[in-house]
Amino acid sequence: MIGVLSLQGAISEHAHVLNQIGVKSKPILNRDDLNGIDGLIIPGGESTAIKKLMAYNHLFPAIKQLIQDGLPTFGTCAGMVLLSQPDSFDMLPATVVRNGFGRQQQSFEADLTFKALAKPFHAVFIRAPYLKNVADNVKVLASIEDKVVAVAKDHVLATAFHPELTGDVRLHEYFIDHFVH
């Protein structure tokens, strides 16, 4: 069972992809919802709003502890921001640049060479962040020039883009196959 943090952002899209690949999911709205999950998806949305809502719902400390204890976690866009920021989950030693590619008008799509996948992945970037100064113990999976847009470290996977909006289920399958199982 994969929990999808369901406070703000692309929630139903992640649940739909998980359903497509035969994985059960449940929305995470409060601490009790965290019981019995095998992994967590932190969706794209607005990272500040998600963080405030986690604090309001008393979810932040519980989720942080679960991630620190090894819960497989997949963060997309805002999820990458939260996983990277020292004052958030602080699981990816790198510098995150919020809205690194620009604002809403600079949103774009691009085919990425993704080191974990056999063929390019068509990625959707919406006010996307990127990582720089990535530590040596973080595996860079995809970049656009010098901007890191997909990484893995231990039990954490993060993308600067929205794989749930593409119709391509391979990154969700990758998360389930390499991090959850």
Protein backbone atom coordinates (compact mmCIF):
# COMPACT_ATOMS: atom_id res chain seq x y z
CA MET A 1 0.00 0.00 0.00
CA ILE A 2 1.45 3.34 -1.09
CA GLY A 3 0.37 6.49 0.69
CA VAL A 4 -0.11 9.63 -1.39
CA LEU A 5 0.23 12.80 0.66
CA SER A 6 -3.16 14.34 -0.08
CA LEU A 7 -3.03 17.90 1.17
CA GLN A 8 -2.42 19.86 -2.04
CA GLY A 9 -1.15 19.19 -5.54
CA ALA A 10 -1.33 16.38 -8.12
CA ILE A 11 -2.88 13.81 -5.78
CA SER A 12 -5.44 11.95 -7.90
CA GLU A 13 -2.99 11.72 -10.80
CA HIS A 14 -0.51 9.74 -8.69
CA ALA A 15 -3.28 7.48 -7.36
CA HIS A 16 -4.43 6.88 -10.95
CA VAL A 17 -0.93 5.84 -12.09
CA LEU A 18 -0.53 3.52 -9.11
CA ASN A 19 -3.90 1.94 -9.95
CA GLN A 20 -2.77 1.51 -13.58
CA ILE A 21 0.24 -0.51 -12.47
CA GLY A 22 -1.77 -2.59 -10.02
CA VAL A 23 -0.57 -0.97 -6.79
CA LYS A 24 -3.04 -0.02 -4.08
CA SER A 25 -2.83 3.48 -2.70
CA LYS A 26 -4.49 5.51 -0.01
CA PRO A 27 -4.68 9.22 0.68
CA ILE A 28 -2.64 10.55 3.58
CA LEU A 29 -4.55 13.32 5.35
CA ASN A 30 -3.66 12.71 9.00
CA ARG A 31 -1.20 10.72 11.12
CA ASP A 32 -3.48 7.68 11.41
CA ASP A 33 -3.43 7.33 7.62
CA LEU A 34 0.31 6.60 7.80
CA ASN A 35 -0.34 3.22 9.44
CA GLY A 36 0.30 0.25 7.20
CA ILE A 37 1.88 2.04 4.24
CA ASP A 38 4.88 0.54 2.44
CA GLY A 39 5.89 3.75 0.70
CA LEU A 40 4.95 7.39 0.31
CA ILE A 41 4.53 9.74 -2.62
CA ILE A 42 4.88 13.47 -1.99
CA PRO A 43 3.23 15.07 -5.02
CA GLY A 44 3.96 18.23 -6.91
CA GLY A 45 2.05 21.31 -5.88
CA GLU A 46 3.24 24.28 -3.86
CA SER A 47 5.90 23.26 -1.36
CA THR A 48 5.22 26.04 1.15
CA ALA A 49 1.48 25.28 1.17
CA ILE A 50 2.12 21.54 1.55
CA LYS A 51 4.55 22.14 4.43
CA LYS A 52 2.09 24.46 6.22
CA LEU A 53 -0.74 21.96 5.77
CA MET A 54 1.46 19.14 7.10
CA ALA A 55 2.19 21.25 10.18
CA TYR A 56 -1.49 22.16 10.60
CA ASN A 57 -2.53 18.49 10.36
CA HIS A 58 0.31 17.41 12.71
CA LEU A 59 1.77 15.28 9.91
CA PHE A 60 5.19 16.85 9.47
CA PRO A 61 7.06 15.26 12.42
CA ALA A 62 5.49 11.84 11.81
CA ILE A 63 6.35 11.83 8.10
CA LYS A 64 9.85 13.13 8.74
CA GLN A 65 10.47 10.34 11.25
CA LEU A 66 9.14 7.67 8.88
CA ILE A 67 11.35 8.91 6.04
CA GLN A 68 14.39 9.09 8.33
CA ASP A 69 13.61 5.54 9.48
CA GLY A 70 13.71 4.27 5.87
CA LEU A 71 10.18 4.55 4.44
CA PRO A 72 10.52 4.42 0.63
CA THR A 73 9.57 7.90 -0.56
CA PHE A 74 9.05 9.39 -4.03
CA GLY A 75 8.87 13.18 -4.27
CA THR A 76 7.85 14.97 -7.45
CA CYS A 77 8.43 18.71 -8.03
CA ALA A 78 7.35 20.22 -4.69
CA GLY A 79 8.10 16.81 -3.19
CA MET A 80 11.70 17.17 -4.37
CA VAL A 81 11.85 20.60 -2.75
CA LEU A 82 10.57 19.25 0.58
CA LEU A 83 12.94 16.28 0.48
CA SER A 84 15.90 18.59 -0.18
CA GLN A 85 15.35 21.56 2.10
CA PRO A 86 17.29 21.47 5.39
CA ASP A 87 14.28 22.94 7.22
CA SER A 88 11.97 20.28 5.76
CA PHE A 89 12.82 16.58 5.39
CA ASP A 90 16.54 17.16 4.62
CA MET A 91 17.02 13.76 2.95
CA LEU A 92 18.86 14.85 -0.20
CA PRO A 93 22.16 16.61 0.41
CA ALA A 94 22.00 19.15 -2.40
CA THR A 95 20.99 22.74 -2.94
CA VAL A 96 17.45 23.01 -4.28
CA VAL A 97 16.58 25.94 -6.52
CA ARG A 98 12.83 26.53 -6.29
CA ASN A 99 11.20 27.62 -9.57
CA GLY A 100 14.66 27.07 -11.04
CA PHE A 101 13.48 27.03 -14.63
CA GLY A 102 11.23 30.06 -14.16
CA ARG A 103 7.64 30.79 -13.30
CA GLN A 104 4.43 29.35 -14.75
CA GLN A 105 5.01 30.91 -18.19
CA GLN A 106 8.37 29.11 -18.45
CA SER A 107 6.85 25.66 -17.87
CA PHE A 108 7.91 23.19 -20.55
CA GLU A 109 8.16 19.57 -21.62
CA ALA A 110 11.36 17.73 -22.53
CA ASP A 111 12.55 14.24 -23.40
CA LEU A 112 15.09 13.16 -20.81
CA THR A 113 17.76 10.54 -20.98
CA PHE A 114 16.99 8.82 -17.72
CA LYS A 115 19.81 6.59 -16.55
CA ALA A 116 17.42 4.12 -14.92
CA LEU A 117 15.20 3.67 -17.99
CA ALA A 118 15.92 2.09 -21.37
CA LYS A 119 14.40 4.85 -23.50
CA PRO A 120 13.86 8.60 -23.02
CA PHE A 121 11.19 9.82 -20.61
CA HIS A 122 8.93 12.67 -21.70
CA ALA A 123 8.90 14.98 -18.68
CA VAL A 124 6.50 17.79 -17.77
CA PHE A 125 8.12 20.70 -15.90
CA ILE A 126 5.74 23.15 -14.18
CA ARG A 127 7.47 25.91 -12.19
CA ALA A 128 10.05 23.21 -11.66
CA PRO A 129 12.91 23.19 -9.20
CA TYR A 130 16.31 21.68 -9.86
CA LEU A 131 19.21 20.57 -7.71
CA LYS A 132 22.80 21.79 -7.72
CA ASN A 133 25.80 21.02 -5.52
CA VAL A 134 24.61 17.43 -5.27
CA ALA A 135 26.59 15.35 -2.75
CA ASP A 136 28.60 12.37 -3.97
CA ASN A 137 26.30 9.92 -2.16
CA VAL A 138 23.29 11.03 -4.24
CA LYS A 139 22.81 9.20 -7.52
CA VAL A 140 21.99 11.60 -10.35
CA LEU A 141 19.48 9.92 -12.66
CA ALA A 142 18.74 12.76 -15.11
CA SER A 143 19.89 16.30 -15.82
CA ILE A 144 19.20 19.15 -18.20
CA GLU A 145 22.60 20.65 -18.87
CA ASP A 146 24.02 21.32 -15.37
CA LYS A 147 20.60 21.24 -13.68
CA VAL A 148 19.89 17.96 -11.87
CA VAL A 149 16.23 16.94 -12.30
CA ALA A 150 16.08 13.36 -10.99
CA VAL A 151 17.98 11.71 -8.13
CA ALA A 152 17.99 8.70 -5.86
CA LYS A 153 19.54 8.25 -2.45
CA ASP A 154 19.03 5.20 -0.30
CA HIS A 155 15.23 4.83 -0.07
CA VAL A 156 14.37 8.21 -1.63
CA LEU A 157 13.56 8.99 -5.28
CA ALA A 158 12.91 12.57 -6.40
CA THR A 159 12.12 14.28 -9.68
CA ALA A 160 11.83 17.98 -10.52
CA PHE A 161 9.09 17.15 -13.00
CA HIS A 162 5.63 15.56 -12.93
CA PRO A 163 5.76 11.94 -14.17
CA GLU A 164 2.12 11.50 -13.09
CA LEU A 165 1.02 13.89 -15.87
CA THR A 166 2.66 12.07 -18.78
CA GLY A 167 0.79 8.80 -19.27
CA ASP A 168 4.17 7.03 -18.87
CA VAL A 169 4.08 4.77 -15.80
CA ARG A 170 7.76 3.75 -15.86
CA LEU A 171 8.96 6.01 -13.02
CA HIS A 172 6.22 4.82 -10.69
CA GLU A 173 7.10 1.24 -11.63
CA TYR A 174 10.77 2.06 -10.99
CA PHE A 175 9.87 3.39 -7.54
CA ILE A 176 7.86 0.28 -6.67
CA ASP A 177 10.41 -2.18 -8.10
CA HIS A 178 13.63 -0.57 -6.77
CA PHE A 179 12.58 1.16 -3.58
CA VAL A 180 9.45 -0.52 -2.18
CA HIS A 181 10.07 -4.19 -3.04
